[in-house]
């Protein structure tokens, strides 16, 4: 039985074009995505279900992009290794009221 890997992506970029489309760049992972989806509740974290056994927490969504992230139905994800794109793919975004992760599992901001 596979266990779910929960990773924190602390360094990533979210870019927005003039049409309010979002591109998220993350580090490349082993294997390709399997039915990826993102859950977002309008706050500082998003959950990226990359595959059935791999979940990535996008840590601290910048306040300037949260409104746009709340409105999109999908994002383009580009996985990078050594500055080059390894793969890119569209990922649906589900807007939720609360992320299904216990608070103690979410990264805390150093205030």
PDB file of N, CA and C in Angstrom:
ATOM      1  N   UNK A   1       0.836  -1.179   0.000  1.00  0.00           N
ATOM      2  CA  UNK A   1       0.000   0.000   0.000  1.00  0.00           C
ATOM      3  C   UNK A   1       0.885   1.249   0.000  1.00  0.00           C
ATOM      4  N   UNK A   2       0.590   2.196  -0.886  1.00  0.00           N
ATOM      5  CA  UNK A   2       1.351   3.441  -0.960  1.00  0.00           C
ATOM      6  C   UNK A   2       0.894   4.415   0.112  1.00  0.00           C
ATOM      7  N   UNK A   3       1.853   5.122   0.695  1.00  0.00           N
ATOM      8  CA  UNK A   3       1.478   6.172   1.621  1.00  0.00           C
ATOM      9  C   UNK A   3       1.530   7.501   0.892  1.00  0.00           C
ATOM     10  N   UNK A   4       0.736   8.431   1.351  1.00  0.00           N
ATOM     11  CA  UNK A   4       0.680   9.737   0.718  1.00  0.00           C
ATOM     12  C   UNK A   4       1.860  10.572   1.182  1.00  0.00           C
ATOM     13  N   UNK A   5       2.566  11.151   0.231  1.00  0.00           N
ATOM     14  CA  UNK A   5       3.691  12.026   0.527  1.00  0.00           C
ATOM     15  C   UNK A   5       3.152  13.454   0.569  1.00  0.00           C
ATOM     16  N   UNK A   6       3.359  14.145   1.702  1.00  0.00           N
ATOM     17  CA  UNK A   6       2.949  15.533   1.848  1.00  0.00           C
ATOM     18  C   UNK A   6       4.216  16.384   1.886  1.00  0.00           C
ATOM     19  N   UNK A   7       4.395  17.180   0.842  1.00  0.00           N
ATOM     20  CA  UNK A   7       5.583  18.028   0.729  1.00  0.00           C
ATOM     21  C   UNK A   7       5.180  19.492   0.830  1.00  0.00           C
ATOM     22  N   UNK A   8       6.107  20.319   1.262  1.00  0.00           N
ATOM     23  CA  UNK A   8       5.898  21.767   1.265  1.00  0.00           C
ATOM     24  C   UNK A   8       6.775  22.368   0.183  1.00  0.00           C
ATOM     25  N   UNK A   9       6.148  23.092  -0.726  1.00  0.00           N
ATOM     26  CA  UNK A   9       6.879  23.811  -1.768  1.00  0.00           C
ATOM     27  C   UNK A   9       7.050  25.239  -1.276  1.00  0.00           C
ATOM     28  N   UNK A  10       8.208  25.524  -0.716  1.00  0.00           N
ATOM     29  CA  UNK A  10       8.456  26.849  -0.145  1.00  0.00           C
ATOM     30  C   UNK A  10       8.906  27.851  -1.191  1.00  0.00           C
ATOM     31  N   UNK A  11       9.547  27.373  -2.250  1.00  0.00           N
ATOM     32  CA  UNK A  11      10.028  28.276  -3.278  1.00  0.00           C
ATOM     33  C   UNK A  11       9.381  27.921  -4.607  1.00  0.00           C
ATOM     34  N   UNK A  12       8.531  28.796  -5.070  1.00  0.00           N
ATOM     35  CA  UNK A  12       7.848  28.626  -6.349  1.00  0.00           C
ATOM     36  C   UNK A  12       7.466  30.011  -6.830  1.00  0.00           C
ATOM     37  N   UNK A  13       7.061  30.109  -8.060  1.00  0.00           N
ATOM     38  CA  UNK A  13       6.600  31.386  -8.603  1.00  0.00           C
ATOM     39  C   UNK A  13       5.186  31.233  -9.116  1.00  0.00           C
ATOM     40  N   UNK A  14       4.411  32.294  -8.959  1.00  0.00           N
ATOM     41  CA  UNK A  14       3.097  32.387  -9.584  1.00  0.00           C
ATOM     42  C   UNK A  14       3.125  33.637 -10.450  1.00  0.00           C
ATOM     43  N   UNK A  15       2.922  33.443 -11.734  1.00  0.00           N
ATOM     44  CA  UNK A  15       2.934  34.548 -12.687  1.00  0.00           C
ATOM     45  C   UNK A  15       1.535  34.702 -13.271  1.00  0.00           C
ATOM     46  N   UNK A  16       1.119  35.943 -13.470  1.00  0.00           N
ATOM     47  CA  UNK A  16      -0.203  36.233 -14.017  1.00  0.00           C
ATOM     48  C   UNK A  16      -0.037  37.046 -15.283  1.00  0.00           C
ATOM     49  N   UNK A  17      -0.731  36.635 -16.354  1.00  0.00           N
ATOM     50  CA  UNK A  17      -0.641  37.408 -17.598  1.00  0.00           C
ATOM     51  C   UNK A  17      -1.791  38.419 -17.677  1.00  0.00           C
ATOM     52  N   UNK A  18      -1.852  39.154 -18.770  1.00  0.00           N
ATOM     53  CA  UNK A  18      -2.870  40.198 -18.930  1.00  0.00           C
ATOM     54  C   UNK A  18      -4.288  39.644 -18.990  1.00  0.00           C
ATOM     55  N   UNK A  19      -4.443  38.357 -19.283  1.00  0.00           N
ATOM     56  CA  UNK A  19      -5.762  37.727 -19.333  1.00  0.00           C
ATOM     57  C   UNK A  19      -6.130  37.067 -18.009  1.00  0.00           C
ATOM     58  N   UNK A  20      -5.382  37.382 -16.947  1.00  0.00           N
ATOM     59  CA  UNK A  20      -5.606  36.833 -15.602  1.00  0.00           C
ATOM     60  C   UNK A  20      -5.439  35.317 -15.533  1.00  0.00           C
ATOM     61  N   UNK A  21      -4.646  34.761 -16.438  1.00  0.00           N
ATOM     62  CA  UNK A  21      -4.299  33.348 -16.381  1.00  0.00           C
ATOM     63  C   UNK A  21      -3.067  33.208 -15.498  1.00  0.00           C
ATOM     64  N   UNK A  22      -2.996  32.108 -14.744  1.00  0.00           N
ATOM     65  CA  UNK A  22      -1.896  31.910 -13.813  1.00  0.00           C
ATOM     66  C   UNK A  22      -0.993  30.764 -14.247  1.00  0.00           C
ATOM     67  N   UNK A  23       0.309  31.002 -14.079  1.00  0.00           N
ATOM     68  CA  UNK A  23       1.333  29.989 -14.287  1.00  0.00           C
ATOM     69  C   UNK A  23       2.026  29.791 -12.946  1.00  0.00           C
ATOM     70  N   UNK A  24       2.120  28.545 -12.509  1.00  0.00           N
ATOM     71  CA  UNK A  24       2.830  28.219 -11.272  1.00  0.00           C
ATOM     72  C   UNK A  24       4.031  27.368 -11.655  1.00  0.00           C
ATOM     73  N   UNK A  25       5.221  27.811 -11.232  1.00  0.00           N
ATOM     74  CA  UNK A  25       6.428  27.031 -11.478  1.00  0.00           C
ATOM     75  C   UNK A  25       6.863  26.382 -10.172  1.00  0.00           C
ATOM     76  N   UNK A  26       7.146  25.082 -10.242  1.00  0.00           N
ATOM     77  CA  UNK A  26       7.602  24.325  -9.078  1.00  0.00           C
ATOM     78  C   UNK A  26       8.806  23.492  -9.490  1.00  0.00           C
ATOM     79  N   UNK A  27       9.505  22.931  -8.514  1.00  0.00           N
ATOM     80  CA  UNK A  27      10.614  22.039  -8.854  1.00  0.00           C
ATOM     81  C   UNK A  27      10.045  20.735  -9.420  1.00  0.00           C
ATOM     82  N   UNK A  28      10.787  20.138 -10.316  1.00  0.00           N
ATOM     83  CA  UNK A  28      10.358  18.895 -10.953  1.00  0.00           C
ATOM     84  C   UNK A  28      10.371  17.747  -9.949  1.00  0.00           C
ATOM     85  N   UNK A  29       9.388  16.885 -10.066  1.00  0.00           N
ATOM     86  CA  UNK A  29       9.287  15.683  -9.247  1.00  0.00           C
ATOM     87  C   UNK A  29       9.475  14.460 -10.130  1.00  0.00           C
ATOM     88  N   UNK A  30       9.728  13.326  -9.485  1.00  0.00           N
ATOM     89  CA  UNK A  30       9.824  12.047 -10.202  1.00  0.00           C
ATOM     90  C   UNK A  30       8.457  11.680 -10.752  1.00  0.00           C
ATOM     91  N   UNK A  31       8.425  11.127 -11.922  1.00  0.00           N
ATOM     92  CA  UNK A  31       7.177  10.676 -12.530  1.00  0.00           C
ATOM     93  C   UNK A  31       6.294  11.834 -12.939  1.00  0.00           C
ATOM     94  N   UNK A  32       5.320  11.524 -13.744  1.00  0.00           N
ATOM     95  CA  UNK A  32       4.400  12.552 -14.209  1.00  0.00           C
ATOM     96  C   UNK A  32       3.202  12.692 -13.300  1.00  0.00           C
ATOM     97  N   UNK A  33       2.442  13.763 -13.495  1.00  0.00           N
ATOM     98  CA  UNK A  33       1.240  13.950 -12.690  1.00  0.00           C
ATOM     99  C   UNK A  33       0.158  12.952 -13.091  1.00  0.00           C
ATOM    100  N   UNK A  34      -0.709  12.631 -12.131  1.00  0.00           N
ATOM    101  CA  UNK A  34      -1.837  11.726 -12.384  1.00  0.00           C
ATOM    102  C   UNK A  34      -3.105  12.400 -11.892  1.00  0.00           C
ATOM    103  N   UNK A  35      -3.919  12.856 -12.808  1.00  0.00           N
ATOM    104  CA  UNK A  35      -5.160  13.560 -12.481  1.00  0.00           C
ATOM    105  C   UNK A  35      -4.921  14.662 -11.440  1.00  0.00           C
ATOM    106  N   UNK A  36      -4.013  15.587 -11.736  1.00  0.00           N
ATOM    107  CA  UNK A  36      -3.697  16.626 -10.759  1.00  0.00           C
ATOM    108  C   UNK A  36      -4.876  17.579 -10.538  1.00  0.00           C
ATOM    109  N   UNK A  37      -4.931  18.143  -9.359  1.00  0.00           N
ATOM    110  CA  UNK A  37      -5.918  19.167  -9.032  1.00  0.00           C
ATOM    111  C   UNK A  37      -5.368  20.028  -7.902  1.00  0.00           C
ATOM    112  N   UNK A  38      -5.845  21.261  -7.844  1.00  0.00           N
ATOM    113  CA  UNK A  38      -5.457  22.182  -6.781  1.00  0.00           C
ATOM    114  C   UNK A  38      -6.699  22.553  -5.999  1.00  0.00           C
ATOM    115  N   UNK A  39      -6.577  22.564  -4.669  1.00  0.00           N
ATOM    116  CA  UNK A  39      -7.637  23.070  -3.798  1.00  0.00           C
ATOM    117  C   UNK A  39      -7.152  24.391  -3.232  1.00  0.00           C
ATOM    118  N   UNK A  40      -8.040  25.392  -3.272  1.00  0.00           N
ATOM    119  CA  UNK A  40      -7.670  26.708  -2.747  1.00  0.00           C
ATOM    120  C   UNK A  40      -8.843  27.309  -1.999  1.00  0.00           C
ATOM    121  N   UNK A  41      -8.545  27.869  -0.807  1.00  0.00           N
ATOM    122  CA  UNK A  41      -9.588  28.439   0.050  1.00  0.00           C
ATOM    123  C   UNK A  41      -9.446  29.954   0.201  1.00  0.00           C
ATOM    124  N   UNK A  42      -8.627  30.589  -0.641  1.00  0.00           N
ATOM    125  CA  UNK A  42      -8.515  32.038  -0.608  1.00  0.00           C
ATOM    126  C   UNK A  42      -7.532  32.579   0.401  1.00  0.00           C
ATOM    127  N   UNK A  43      -6.783  31.707   1.036  1.00  0.00           N
ATOM    128  CA  UNK A  43      -5.866  32.158   2.073  1.00  0.00           C
ATOM    129  C   UNK A  43      -4.421  31.940   1.641  1.00  0.00           C
ATOM    130  N   UNK A  44      -3.520  31.715   2.589  1.00  0.00           N
ATOM    131  CA  UNK A  44      -2.098  31.720   2.267  1.00  0.00           C
ATOM    132  C   UNK A  44      -1.534  30.394   1.770  1.00  0.00           C
ATOM    133  N   UNK A  45      -2.318  29.329   1.770  1.00  0.00           N
ATOM    134  CA  UNK A  45      -1.835  28.034   1.284  1.00  0.00           C
ATOM    135  C   UNK A  45      -2.797  27.473   0.235  1.00  0.00           C
ATOM    136  N   UNK A  46      -2.242  26.650  -0.646  1.00  0.00           N
ATOM    137  CA  UNK A  46      -3.046  25.878  -1.590  1.00  0.00           C
ATOM    138  C   UNK A  46      -2.526  24.446  -1.532  1.00  0.00           C
ATOM    139  N   UNK A  47      -3.390  23.487  -1.792  1.00  0.00           N
ATOM    140  CA  UNK A  47      -2.997  22.079  -1.855  1.00  0.00           C
ATOM    141  C   UNK A  47      -2.982  21.648  -3.306  1.00  0.00           C
ATOM    142  N   UNK A  48      -1.878  21.100  -3.731  1.00  0.00           N
ATOM    143  CA  UNK A  48      -1.719  20.606  -5.091  1.00  0.00           C
ATOM    144  C   UNK A  48      -1.621  19.090  -5.015  1.00  0.00           C
ATOM    145  N   UNK A  49      -2.706  18.427  -5.419  1.00  0.00           N
ATOM    146  CA  UNK A  49      -2.702  16.966  -5.493  1.00  0.00           C
ATOM    147  C   UNK A  49      -2.093  16.609  -6.844  1.00  0.00           C
ATOM    148  N   UNK A  50      -0.806  16.307  -6.840  1.00  0.00           N
ATOM    149  CA  UNK A  50      -0.091  16.017  -8.085  1.00  0.00           C
ATOM    150  C   UNK A  50      -0.406  14.609  -8.581  1.00  0.00           C
ATOM    151  N   UNK A  51      -0.557  13.683  -7.654  1.00  0.00           N
ATOM    152  CA  UNK A  51      -0.937  12.310  -7.978  1.00  0.00           C
ATOM    153  C   UNK A  51      -1.654  11.736  -6.761  1.00  0.00           C
ATOM    154  N   UNK A  52      -2.098  10.500  -6.876  1.00  0.00           N
ATOM    155  CA  UNK A  52      -2.859   9.906  -5.777  1.00  0.00           C
ATOM    156  C   UNK A  52      -2.036   9.743  -4.507  1.00  0.00           C
ATOM    157  N   UNK A  53      -0.714   9.698  -4.640  1.00  0.00           N
ATOM    158  CA  UNK A  53       0.122   9.512  -3.451  1.00  0.00           C
ATOM    159  C   UNK A  53       1.084  10.675  -3.201  1.00  0.00           C
ATOM    160  N   UNK A  54       0.836  11.828  -3.851  1.00  0.00           N
ATOM    161  CA  UNK A  54       1.725  12.972  -3.668  1.00  0.00           C
ATOM    162  C   UNK A  54       0.913  14.266  -3.596  1.00  0.00           C
ATOM    163  N   UNK A  55       0.987  14.922  -2.437  1.00  0.00           N
ATOM    164  CA  UNK A  55       0.319  16.203  -2.227  1.00  0.00           C
ATOM    165  C   UNK A  55       1.374  17.245  -1.883  1.00  0.00           C
ATOM    166  N   UNK A  56       1.276  18.388  -2.538  1.00  0.00           N
ATOM    167  CA  UNK A  56       2.245  19.462  -2.339  1.00  0.00           C
ATOM    168  C   UNK A  56       1.511  20.675  -1.780  1.00  0.00           C
ATOM    169  N   UNK A  57       1.997  21.199  -0.657  1.00  0.00           N
ATOM    170  CA  UNK A  57       1.452  22.430  -0.103  1.00  0.00           C
ATOM    171  C   UNK A  57       2.200  23.587  -0.736  1.00  0.00           C
ATOM    172  N   UNK A  58       1.467  24.446  -1.428  1.00  0.00           N
ATOM    173  CA  UNK A  58       2.060  25.676  -1.930  1.00  0.00           C
ATOM    174  C   UNK A  58       2.013  26.648  -0.758  1.00  0.00           C
ATOM    175  N   UNK A  59       3.172  26.903  -0.185  1.00  0.00           N
ATOM    176  CA  UNK A  59       3.301  27.650   1.054  1.00  0.00           C
ATOM    177  C   UNK A  59       3.316  29.150   0.803  1.00  0.00           C
ATOM    178  N   UNK A  60       2.463  29.864   1.488  1.00  0.00           N
ATOM    179  CA  UNK A  60       2.335  31.309   1.445  1.00  0.00           C
ATOM    180  C   UNK A  60       2.082  31.859   0.042  1.00  0.00           C
ATOM    181  N   UNK A  61       0.830  31.777  -0.382  1.00  0.00           N
ATOM    182  CA  UNK A  61       0.389  32.428  -1.617  1.00  0.00           C
ATOM    183  C   UNK A  61       0.454  33.938  -1.358  1.00  0.00           C
ATOM    184  N   UNK A  62       1.154  34.659  -2.197  1.00  0.00           N
ATOM    185  CA  UNK A  62       1.320  36.105  -2.009  1.00  0.00           C
ATOM    186  C   UNK A  62      -0.051  36.795  -2.005  1.00  0.00           C
ATOM    187  N   UNK A  63      -0.272  37.727  -1.066  1.00  0.00           N
ATOM    188  CA  UNK A  63      -1.565  38.427  -0.998  1.00  0.00           C
ATOM    189  C   UNK A  63      -1.970  39.093  -2.314  1.00  0.00           C
ATOM    190  N   UNK A  64      -0.998  39.543  -3.101  1.00  0.00           N
ATOM    191  CA  UNK A  64      -1.307  40.205  -4.361  1.00  0.00           C
ATOM    192  C   UNK A  64      -1.884  39.307  -5.431  1.00  0.00           C
ATOM    193  N   UNK A  65      -1.742  37.992  -5.279  1.00  0.00           N
ATOM    194  CA  UNK A  65      -2.248  37.058  -6.284  1.00  0.00           C
ATOM    195  C   UNK A  65      -3.433  36.232  -5.764  1.00  0.00           C
ATOM    196  N   UNK A  66      -3.729  36.336  -4.491  1.00  0.00           N
ATOM    197  CA  UNK A  66      -4.811  35.525  -3.909  1.00  0.00           C
ATOM    198  C   UNK A  66      -6.160  35.762  -4.577  1.00  0.00           C
ATOM    199  N   UNK A  67      -6.472  37.013  -4.893  1.00  0.00           N
ATOM    200  CA  UNK A  67      -7.752  37.309  -5.547  1.00  0.00           C
ATOM    201  C   UNK A  67      -7.859  36.641  -6.907  1.00  0.00           C
ATOM    202  N   UNK A  68      -6.784  36.690  -7.678  1.00  0.00           N
ATOM    203  CA  UNK A  68      -6.773  36.041  -8.996  1.00  0.00           C
ATOM    204  C   UNK A  68      -6.862  34.532  -8.851  1.00  0.00           C
ATOM    205  N   UNK A  69      -6.125  33.977  -7.873  1.00  0.00           N
ATOM    206  CA  UNK A  69      -6.147  32.532  -7.653  1.00  0.00           C
ATOM    207  C   UNK A  69      -7.559  32.092  -7.284  1.00  0.00           C
ATOM    208  N   UNK A  70      -8.274  32.931  -6.577  1.00  0.00           N
ATOM    209  CA  UNK A  70      -9.638  32.602  -6.150  1.00  0.00           C
ATOM    210  C   UNK A  70     -10.602  32.560  -7.331  1.00  0.00           C
ATOM    211  N   UNK A  71     -10.266  33.241  -8.427  1.00  0.00           N
ATOM    212  CA  UNK A  71     -11.175  33.346  -9.575  1.00  0.00           C
ATOM    213  C   UNK A  71     -10.921  32.330 -10.677  1.00  0.00           C
ATOM    214  N   UNK A  72      -9.710  31.756 -10.746  1.00  0.00           N
ATOM    215  CA  UNK A  72      -9.382  30.890 -11.882  1.00  0.00           C
ATOM    216  C   UNK A  72      -9.996  29.504 -11.734  1.00  0.00           C
ATOM    217  N   UNK A  73     -10.235  28.888 -12.873  1.00  0.00           N
ATOM    218  CA  UNK A  73     -10.753  27.517 -12.900  1.00  0.00           C
ATOM    219  C   UNK A  73      -9.645  26.512 -13.169  1.00  0.00           C
ATOM    220  N   UNK A  74      -8.513  26.999 -13.708  1.00  0.00           N
ATOM    221  CA  UNK A  74      -7.364  26.143 -13.947  1.00  0.00           C
ATOM    222  C   UNK A  74      -6.106  26.993 -13.986  1.00  0.00           C
ATOM    223  N   UNK A  75      -4.977  26.316 -13.754  1.00  0.00           N
ATOM    224  CA  UNK A  75      -3.674  26.970 -13.818  1.00  0.00           C
ATOM    225  C   UNK A  75      -2.761  26.128 -14.693  1.00  0.00           C
ATOM    226  N   UNK A  76      -1.734  26.764 -15.212  1.00  0.00           N
ATOM    227  CA  UNK A  76      -0.688  26.049 -15.922  1.00  0.00           C
ATOM    228  C   UNK A  76       0.438  25.806 -14.924  1.00  0.00           C
ATOM    229  N   UNK A  77       0.843  24.558 -14.749  1.00  0.00           N
ATOM    230  CA  UNK A  77       1.961  24.215 -13.872  1.00  0.00           C
ATOM    231  C   UNK A  77       3.147  23.853 -14.748  1.00  0.00           C
ATOM    232  N   UNK A  78       4.289  24.455 -14.456  1.00  0.00           N
ATOM    233  CA  UNK A  78       5.539  24.123 -15.138  1.00  0.00           C
ATOM    234  C   UNK A  78       6.499  23.592 -14.084  1.00  0.00           C
ATOM    235  N   UNK A  79       7.017  22.392 -14.313  1.00  0.00           N
ATOM    236  CA  UNK A  79       8.003  21.800 -13.407  1.00  0.00           C
ATOM    237  C   UNK A  79       9.394  22.064 -13.970  1.00  0.00           C
ATOM    238  N   UNK A  80      10.256  22.610 -13.113  1.00  0.00           N
ATOM    239  CA  UNK A  80      11.589  23.036 -13.542  1.00  0.00           C
ATOM    240  C   UNK A  80      12.687  22.213 -12.881  1.00  0.00           C
ATOM    241  N   UNK A  81      13.740  21.980 -13.641  1.00  0.00           N
ATOM    242  CA  UNK A  81      14.970  21.386 -13.107  1.00  0.00           C
ATOM    243  C   UNK A  81      16.139  22.127 -13.735  1.00  0.00           C
ATOM    244  N   UNK A  82      17.011  22.659 -12.909  1.00  0.00           N
ATOM    245  CA  UNK A  82      18.184  23.412 -13.376  1.00  0.00           C
ATOM    246  C   UNK A  82      17.798  24.529 -14.350  1.00  0.00           C
ATOM    247  N   UNK A  83      16.675  25.207 -14.063  1.00  0.00           N
ATOM    248  CA  UNK A  83      16.250  26.338 -14.877  1.00  0.00           C
ATOM    249  C   UNK A  83      15.548  25.986 -16.169  1.00  0.00           C
ATOM    250  N   UNK A  84      15.364  24.692 -16.441  1.00  0.00           N
ATOM    251  CA  UNK A  84      14.690  24.261 -17.672  1.00  0.00           C
ATOM    252  C   UNK A  84      13.364  23.591 -17.341  1.00  0.00           C
ATOM    253  N   UNK A  85      12.390  23.774 -18.213  1.00  0.00           N
ATOM    254  CA  UNK A  85      11.088  23.144 -18.019  1.00  0.00           C
ATOM    255  C   UNK A  85      11.190  21.661 -18.354  1.00  0.00           C
ATOM    256  N   UNK A  86      10.836  20.823 -17.390  1.00  0.00           N
ATOM    257  CA  UNK A  86      10.826  19.372 -17.571  1.00  0.00           C
ATOM    258  C   UNK A  86       9.475  18.940 -18.129  1.00  0.00           C
ATOM    259  N   UNK A  87       8.409  19.534 -17.604  1.00  0.00           N
ATOM    260  CA  UNK A  87       7.056  19.245 -18.093  1.00  0.00           C
ATOM    261  C   UNK A  87       6.145  20.393 -17.717  1.00  0.00           C
ATOM    262  N   UNK A  88       5.068  20.547 -18.474  1.00  0.00           N
ATOM    263  CA  UNK A  88       4.043  21.534 -18.149  1.00  0.00           C
ATOM    264  C   UNK A  88       2.680  20.934 -18.465  1.00  0.00           C
ATOM    265  N   UNK A  89       1.699  21.339 -17.680  1.00  0.00           N
ATOM    266  CA  UNK A  89       0.371  20.761 -17.824  1.00  0.00           C
ATOM    267  C   UNK A  89      -0.662  21.649 -17.137  1.00  0.00           C
ATOM    268  N   UNK A  90      -1.891  21.557 -17.611  1.00  0.00           N
ATOM    269  CA  UNK A  90      -2.995  22.324 -17.032  1.00  0.00           C
ATOM    270  C   UNK A  90      -3.551  21.554 -15.834  1.00  0.00           C
ATOM    271  N   UNK A  91      -3.899  22.308 -14.797  1.00  0.00           N
ATOM    272  CA  UNK A  91      -4.421  21.708 -13.570  1.00  0.00           C
ATOM    273  C   UNK A  91      -5.699  22.450 -13.174  1.00  0.00           C
ATOM    274  N   UNK A  92      -6.807  21.720 -13.006  1.00  0.00           N
ATOM    275  CA  UNK A  92      -8.032  22.377 -12.538  1.00  0.00           C
ATOM    276  C   UNK A  92      -7.869  22.858 -11.096  1.00  0.00           C
ATOM    277  N   UNK A  93      -8.524  23.979 -10.791  1.00  0.00           N
ATOM    278  CA  UNK A  93      -8.507  24.536  -9.436  1.00  0.00           C
ATOM    279  C   UNK A  93      -9.915  24.437  -8.867  1.00  0.00           C
ATOM    280  N   UNK A  94     -10.012  23.805  -7.710  1.00  0.00           N
ATOM    281  CA  UNK A  94     -11.291  23.724  -6.989  1.00  0.00           C
ATOM    282  C   UNK A  94     -11.259  24.726  -5.852  1.00  0.00           C
ATOM    283  N   UNK A  95     -12.217  25.620  -5.839  1.00  0.00           N
ATOM    284  CA  UNK A  95     -12.340  26.582  -4.756  1.00  0.00           C
ATOM    285  C   UNK A  95     -13.110  25.919  -3.616  1.00  0.00           C
ATOM    286  N   UNK A  96     -12.536  25.952  -2.430  1.00  0.00           N
ATOM    287  CA  UNK A  96     -13.142  25.314  -1.258  1.00  0.00           C
ATOM    288  C   UNK A  96     -13.238  26.330  -0.120  1.00  0.00           C
ATOM    289  N   UNK A  97     -14.021  26.005   0.886  1.00  0.00           N
ATOM    290  CA  UNK A  97     -14.149  26.880   2.053  1.00  0.00           C
ATOM    291  C   UNK A  97     -12.993  26.705   3.025  1.00  0.00           C
ATOM    292  N   UNK A  98     -12.459  25.482   3.089  1.00  0.00           N
ATOM    293  CA  UNK A  98     -11.364  25.188   4.011  1.00  0.00           C
ATOM    294  C   UNK A  98     -10.553  24.039   3.432  1.00  0.00           C
ATOM    295  N   UNK A  99      -9.221  24.132   3.571  1.00  0.00           N
ATOM    296  CA  UNK A  99      -8.360  23.050   3.088  1.00  0.00           C
ATOM    297  C   UNK A  99      -8.487  21.840   4.002  1.00  0.00           C
ATOM    298  N   UNK A 100      -8.515  20.639   3.429  1.00  0.00           N
ATOM    299  CA  UNK A 100      -8.671  19.419   4.235  1.00  0.00           C
ATOM    300  C   UNK A 100      -7.352  18.927   4.837  1.00  0.00           C
ATOM    301  N   UNK A 101      -6.653  19.825   5.521  1.00  0.00           N
ATOM    302  CA  UNK A 101      -5.383  19.495   6.163  1.00  0.00           C
ATOM    303  C   UNK A 101      -5.436  20.057   7.574  1.00  0.00           C
ATOM    304  N   UNK A 102      -5.055  19.268   8.571  1.00  0.00           N
ATOM    305  CA  UNK A 102      -5.028  19.804   9.939  1.00  0.00           C
ATOM    306  C   UNK A 102      -4.084  21.003  10.033  1.00  0.00           C
ATOM    307  N   UNK A 103      -4.472  21.996  10.820  1.00  0.00           N
ATOM    308  CA  UNK A 103      -3.684  23.224  10.963  1.00  0.00           C
ATOM    309  C   UNK A 103      -2.230  22.943  11.339  1.00  0.00           C
ATOM    310  N   UNK A 104      -1.987  21.914  12.152  1.00  0.00           N
ATOM    311  CA  UNK A 104      -0.615  21.642  12.584  1.00  0.00           C
ATOM    312  C   UNK A 104       0.255  21.076  11.464  1.00  0.00           C
ATOM    313  N   UNK A 105      -0.348  20.695  10.357  1.00  0.00           N
ATOM    314  CA  UNK A 105       0.406  20.211   9.193  1.00  0.00           C
ATOM    315  C   UNK A 105       0.763  21.326   8.224  1.00  0.00           C
ATOM    316  N   UNK A 106       0.098  22.487   8.352  1.00  0.00           N
ATOM    317  CA  UNK A 106       0.371  23.612   7.473  1.00  0.00           C
ATOM    318  C   UNK A 106       1.555  24.399   7.993  1.00  0.00           C
ATOM    319  N   UNK A 107       2.417  24.877   7.097  1.00  0.00           N
ATOM    320  CA  UNK A 107       3.556  25.686   7.541  1.00  0.00           C
ATOM    321  C   UNK A 107       3.081  26.961   8.219  1.00  0.00           C
ATOM    322  N   UNK A 108       3.851  27.414   9.189  1.00  0.00           N
ATOM    323  CA  UNK A 108       3.540  28.650   9.914  1.00  0.00           C
ATOM    324  C   UNK A 108       4.470  29.745   9.433  1.00  0.00           C
ATOM    325  N   UNK A 109       3.923  30.949   9.303  1.00  0.00           N
ATOM    326  CA  UNK A 109       4.749  32.100   8.940  1.00  0.00           C
ATOM    327  C   UNK A 109       5.510  32.577  10.153  1.00  0.00           C
ATOM    328  N   UNK A 110       6.740  32.950   9.964  1.00  0.00           N
ATOM    329  CA  UNK A 110       7.523  33.559  11.043  1.00  0.00           C
ATOM    330  C   UNK A 110       7.183  35.026  11.097  1.00  0.00           C
ATOM    331  N   UNK A 111       6.433  35.412  12.102  1.00  0.00           N
ATOM    332  CA  UNK A 111       5.983  36.809  12.188  1.00  0.00           C
ATOM    333  C   UNK A 111       6.810  37.562  13.184  1.00  0.00           C
TER     334      UNK A 111
END
